[in-house]
Amino acid sequence: MDVIVCLDDRNGMLFNHRRQSRDRKITEDILCHLQGRRLLINSFSAPLFAGKEGVVENNSFLQKAGEGDICFVEDQPLRPYEEKIGELIVYRWNRRYPADISLDISLSDSWQLCSRTEFAGNSHEKITKEIYKRCRKE
């Protein structure tokens, strides 16, 4: 499975119990990235993707995700599923917020940054999209 997260500069995922992912341009970019694959989300993320094709809501989505699925994660730990993740897509706000929940895996240990692009968001002047691939141990 692949995973998508939205983070601040300190890898925060939620601040003041609010999502960091509410930007229309990010939602559009995520939907373009699907290319026929399923996007699995939980009920917390459902308002962002209401009525969108290919989106499956299930609160156990990380446990049920299979090869080829993409999971959008805003409020859950990833460490228990790290070995299942092949690609990690990170949208960064280029800001620092107080965080209630932060990314619980290190991007410097088992991950290699493969690409970085920037685009203007709806709510933020600059959003950075990073794509990480798992480093396979030989």
C-alpha atoms as a PDB file:
ATOM      1  CA  MET A   1       0.000   0.000   0.000  1.00  0.00           C
ATOM      2  CA  ASP A   2       0.965   3.613  -0.430  1.00  0.00           C
ATOM      3  CA  VAL A   3       0.249   6.296   2.156  1.00  0.00           C
ATOM      4  CA  ILE A   4      -0.460  10.015   1.871  1.00  0.00           C
ATOM      5  CA  VAL A   5       0.020  12.403   4.805  1.00  0.00           C
ATOM      6  CA  CYS A   6      -0.036  16.174   5.283  1.00  0.00           C
ATOM      7  CA  LEU A   7       2.637  17.534   7.623  1.00  0.00           C
ATOM      8  CA  ASP A   8       3.977  20.772   8.970  1.00  0.00           C
ATOM      9  CA  ASP A   9       7.722  21.455   9.179  1.00  0.00           C
ATOM     10  CA  ARG A  10       7.983  19.474  12.428  1.00  0.00           C
ATOM     11  CA  ASN A  11       6.072  16.469  11.014  1.00  0.00           C
ATOM     12  CA  GLY A  12       2.881  17.439  12.851  1.00  0.00           C
ATOM     13  CA  MET A  13      -0.299  15.898  11.426  1.00  0.00           C
ATOM     14  CA  LEU A  14      -2.988  17.551  13.584  1.00  0.00           C
ATOM     15  CA  PHE A  15      -2.876  20.821  15.472  1.00  0.00           C
ATOM     16  CA  ASN A  16      -5.433  21.848  18.059  1.00  0.00           C
ATOM     17  CA  HIS A  17      -7.353  18.696  17.036  1.00  0.00           C
ATOM     18  CA  ARG A  18      -7.729  20.131  13.515  1.00  0.00           C
ATOM     19  CA  ARG A  19      -6.469  18.663  10.261  1.00  0.00           C
ATOM     20  CA  GLN A  20      -3.562  20.081   8.314  1.00  0.00           C
ATOM     21  CA  SER A  21      -4.936  18.796   5.045  1.00  0.00           C
ATOM     22  CA  ARG A  22      -7.885  21.018   4.266  1.00  0.00           C
ATOM     23  CA  ASP A  23      -6.703  22.577   1.028  1.00  0.00           C
ATOM     24  CA  ARG A  24      -8.711  22.100  -2.134  1.00  0.00           C
ATOM     25  CA  LYS A  25      -5.574  21.889  -4.304  1.00  0.00           C
ATOM     26  CA  ILE A  26      -4.174  19.014  -2.246  1.00  0.00           C
ATOM     27  CA  THR A  27      -7.451  17.112  -2.514  1.00  0.00           C
ATOM     28  CA  GLU A  28      -7.414  17.628  -6.289  1.00  0.00           C
ATOM     29  CA  ASP A  29      -3.785  16.473  -6.503  1.00  0.00           C
ATOM     30  CA  ILE A  30      -4.537  13.352  -4.449  1.00  0.00           C
ATOM     31  CA  LEU A  31      -7.465  12.437  -6.699  1.00  0.00           C
ATOM     32  CA  CYS A  32      -5.274  12.894  -9.813  1.00  0.00           C
ATOM     33  CA  HIS A  33      -2.628  10.640  -8.252  1.00  0.00           C
ATOM     34  CA  LEU A  34      -5.090   7.750  -7.869  1.00  0.00           C
ATOM     35  CA  GLN A  35      -5.088   6.779 -11.561  1.00  0.00           C
ATOM     36  CA  GLY A  36      -7.777   4.139 -11.075  1.00  0.00           C
ATOM     37  CA  ARG A  37      -6.611   2.919  -7.666  1.00  0.00           C
ATOM     38  CA  ARG A  38      -8.707   3.048  -4.499  1.00  0.00           C
ATOM     39  CA  LEU A  39      -8.217   5.756  -1.895  1.00  0.00           C
ATOM     40  CA  LEU A  40      -8.922   4.393   1.567  1.00  0.00           C
ATOM     41  CA  ILE A  41      -9.888   6.849   4.306  1.00  0.00           C
ATOM     42  CA  ASN A  42     -11.544   6.847   7.715  1.00  0.00           C
ATOM     43  CA  SER A  43     -14.599   8.837   8.818  1.00  0.00           C
ATOM     44  CA  PHE A  44     -12.422  11.734  10.023  1.00  0.00           C
ATOM     45  CA  SER A  45     -11.208  12.305   6.436  1.00  0.00           C
ATOM     46  CA  ALA A  46     -14.550  11.617   4.740  1.00  0.00           C
ATOM     47  CA  PRO A  47     -15.668  15.279   4.486  1.00  0.00           C
ATOM     48  CA  LEU A  48     -12.636  16.066   2.315  1.00  0.00           C
ATOM     49  CA  PHE A  49     -13.621  13.479  -0.304  1.00  0.00           C
ATOM     50  CA  ALA A  50     -17.433  13.445  -0.128  1.00  0.00           C
ATOM     51  CA  GLY A  51     -18.917  12.112  -3.360  1.00  0.00           C
ATOM     52  CA  LYS A  52     -15.556  11.489  -5.041  1.00  0.00           C
ATOM     53  CA  GLU A  53     -15.154   8.371  -7.160  1.00  0.00           C
ATOM     54  CA  GLY A  54     -12.740   5.677  -5.999  1.00  0.00           C
ATOM     55  CA  VAL A  55     -12.819   6.745  -2.346  1.00  0.00           C
ATOM     56  CA  VAL A  56     -13.651   4.046   0.223  1.00  0.00           C
ATOM     57  CA  GLU A  57     -14.450   4.972   3.810  1.00  0.00           C
ATOM     58  CA  ASN A  58     -13.676   2.404   6.486  1.00  0.00           C
ATOM     59  CA  ASN A  59     -12.347   3.068   9.978  1.00  0.00           C
ATOM     60  CA  SER A  60     -10.153  -0.070   9.738  1.00  0.00           C
ATOM     61  CA  PHE A  61      -8.686   1.005   6.400  1.00  0.00           C
ATOM     62  CA  LEU A  62      -5.028   0.619   7.390  1.00  0.00           C
ATOM     63  CA  GLN A  63      -5.584  -2.977   8.494  1.00  0.00           C
ATOM     64  CA  LYS A  64      -7.602  -3.805   5.355  1.00  0.00           C
ATOM     65  CA  ALA A  65      -5.421  -2.032   2.781  1.00  0.00           C
ATOM     66  CA  GLY A  66      -3.870  -4.257   0.175  1.00  0.00           C
ATOM     67  CA  GLU A  67      -1.246  -3.949  -2.502  1.00  0.00           C
ATOM     68  CA  GLY A  68      -2.182  -1.145  -4.878  1.00  0.00           C
ATOM     69  CA  ASP A  69      -4.342   0.713  -2.384  1.00  0.00           C
ATOM     70  CA  ILE A  70      -3.597   4.273  -1.334  1.00  0.00           C
ATOM     71  CA  CYS A  71      -4.371   5.327   2.232  1.00  0.00           C
ATOM     72  CA  PHE A  72      -4.882   8.939   3.282  1.00  0.00           C
ATOM     73  CA  VAL A  73      -3.871   9.233   6.934  1.00  0.00           C
ATOM     74  CA  GLU A  74      -4.513  12.271   9.103  1.00  0.00           C
ATOM     75  CA  ASP A  75      -4.988  11.031  12.649  1.00  0.00           C
ATOM     76  CA  GLN A  76      -3.487   7.580  13.089  1.00  0.00           C
ATOM     77  CA  PRO A  77      -0.067   6.110  13.814  1.00  0.00           C
ATOM     78  CA  LEU A  78       1.785   4.555  10.872  1.00  0.00           C
ATOM     79  CA  ARG A  79       4.519   2.653  12.716  1.00  0.00           C
ATOM     80  CA  PRO A  80       2.417  -0.548  13.055  1.00  0.00           C
ATOM     81  CA  TYR A  81       1.960  -0.582   9.252  1.00  0.00           C
ATOM     82  CA  GLU A  82       5.358   0.717   8.131  1.00  0.00           C
ATOM     83  CA  GLU A  83       6.465  -2.610   6.643  1.00  0.00           C
ATOM     84  CA  LYS A  84       3.357  -2.645   4.407  1.00  0.00           C
ATOM     85  CA  ILE A  85       4.051   0.845   2.994  1.00  0.00           C
ATOM     86  CA  GLY A  86       5.842   0.982  -0.356  1.00  0.00           C
ATOM     87  CA  GLU A  87       5.534   4.689  -1.114  1.00  0.00           C
ATOM     88  CA  LEU A  88       4.912   7.611   1.195  1.00  0.00           C
ATOM     89  CA  ILE A  89       3.574  10.858  -0.267  1.00  0.00           C
ATOM     90  CA  VAL A  90       4.002  13.879   1.985  1.00  0.00           C
ATOM     91  CA  TYR A  91       2.363  17.257   1.473  1.00  0.00           C
ATOM     92  CA  ARG A  92       4.141  19.918   3.509  1.00  0.00           C
ATOM     93  CA  TRP A  93       2.679  23.272   4.479  1.00  0.00           C
ATOM     94  CA  ASN A  94       6.080  24.891   5.040  1.00  0.00           C
ATOM     95  CA  ARG A  95       4.824  26.211   8.358  1.00  0.00           C
ATOM     96  CA  ARG A  96       5.196  25.269  12.012  1.00  0.00           C
ATOM     97  CA  TYR A  97       2.089  24.551  14.033  1.00  0.00           C
ATOM     98  CA  PRO A  98       1.664  23.155  17.514  1.00  0.00           C
ATOM     99  CA  ALA A  99       0.911  19.457  16.951  1.00  0.00           C
ATOM    100  CA  ASP A 100      -1.357  17.101  18.856  1.00  0.00           C
ATOM    101  CA  ILE A 101      -0.436  14.145  16.632  1.00  0.00           C
ATOM    102  CA  SER A 102       2.820  13.810  14.680  1.00  0.00           C
ATOM    103  CA  LEU A 103       4.151  11.347  12.122  1.00  0.00           C
ATOM    104  CA  ASP A 104       5.533   8.439  14.146  1.00  0.00           C
ATOM    105  CA  ILE A 105       7.998   7.055  11.596  1.00  0.00           C
ATOM    106  CA  SER A 106      11.343   8.545  10.679  1.00  0.00           C
ATOM    107  CA  LEU A 107      11.736   9.537   7.049  1.00  0.00           C
ATOM    108  CA  SER A 108      15.511   9.382   7.359  1.00  0.00           C
ATOM    109  CA  ASP A 109      15.789   5.729   8.407  1.00  0.00           C
ATOM    110  CA  SER A 110      14.150   3.471   5.824  1.00  0.00           C
ATOM    111  CA  TRP A 111      13.022   5.992   3.238  1.00  0.00           C
ATOM    112  CA  GLN A 112      14.589   7.681   0.234  1.00  0.00           C
ATOM    113  CA  LEU A 113      13.295  10.985  -1.099  1.00  0.00           C
ATOM    114  CA  CYS A 114      12.609  10.423  -4.812  1.00  0.00           C
ATOM    115  CA  SER A 115      10.976  13.694  -5.836  1.00  0.00           C
ATOM    116  CA  ARG A 116      10.029  17.095  -4.512  1.00  0.00           C
ATOM    117  CA  THR A 117       7.709  19.546  -6.240  1.00  0.00           C
ATOM    118  CA  GLU A 118       6.063  22.769  -5.148  1.00  0.00           C
ATOM    119  CA  PHE A 119       2.719  24.238  -6.100  1.00  0.00           C
ATOM    120  CA  ALA A 120       0.408  27.011  -4.950  1.00  0.00           C
ATOM    121  CA  GLY A 121      -2.397  25.831  -2.738  1.00  0.00           C
ATOM    122  CA  ASN A 122      -5.774  27.367  -2.138  1.00  0.00           C
ATOM    123  CA  SER A 123      -5.032  28.262   1.492  1.00  0.00           C
ATOM    124  CA  HIS A 124      -1.216  28.316   1.397  1.00  0.00           C
ATOM    125  CA  GLU A 125       1.033  30.169  -1.007  1.00  0.00           C
ATOM    126  CA  LYS A 126       3.419  27.221  -1.285  1.00  0.00           C
ATOM    127  CA  ILE A 127       2.818  23.524  -0.684  1.00  0.00           C
ATOM    128  CA  THR A 128       5.652  21.036  -1.107  1.00  0.00           C
ATOM    129  CA  LYS A 129       4.904  17.506  -2.303  1.00  0.00           C
ATOM    130  CA  GLU A 130       7.540  14.895  -1.467  1.00  0.00           C
ATOM    131  CA  ILE A 131       7.512  11.291  -2.616  1.00  0.00           C
ATOM    132  CA  TYR A 132       9.484   8.750  -0.593  1.00  0.00           C
ATOM    133  CA  LYS A 133      10.201   5.141  -1.511  1.00  0.00           C
ATOM    134  CA  ARG A 134      11.187   2.460   0.925  1.00  0.00           C
ATOM    135  CA  CYS A 135      14.893   1.645   0.997  1.00  0.00           C
ATOM    136  CA  ARG A 136      15.195  -2.121   0.608  1.00  0.00           C
ATOM    137  CA  LYS A 137      17.795  -3.734   2.829  1.00  0.00           C
ATOM    138  CA  GLU A 138      20.128  -6.042   0.958  1.00  0.00           C
END
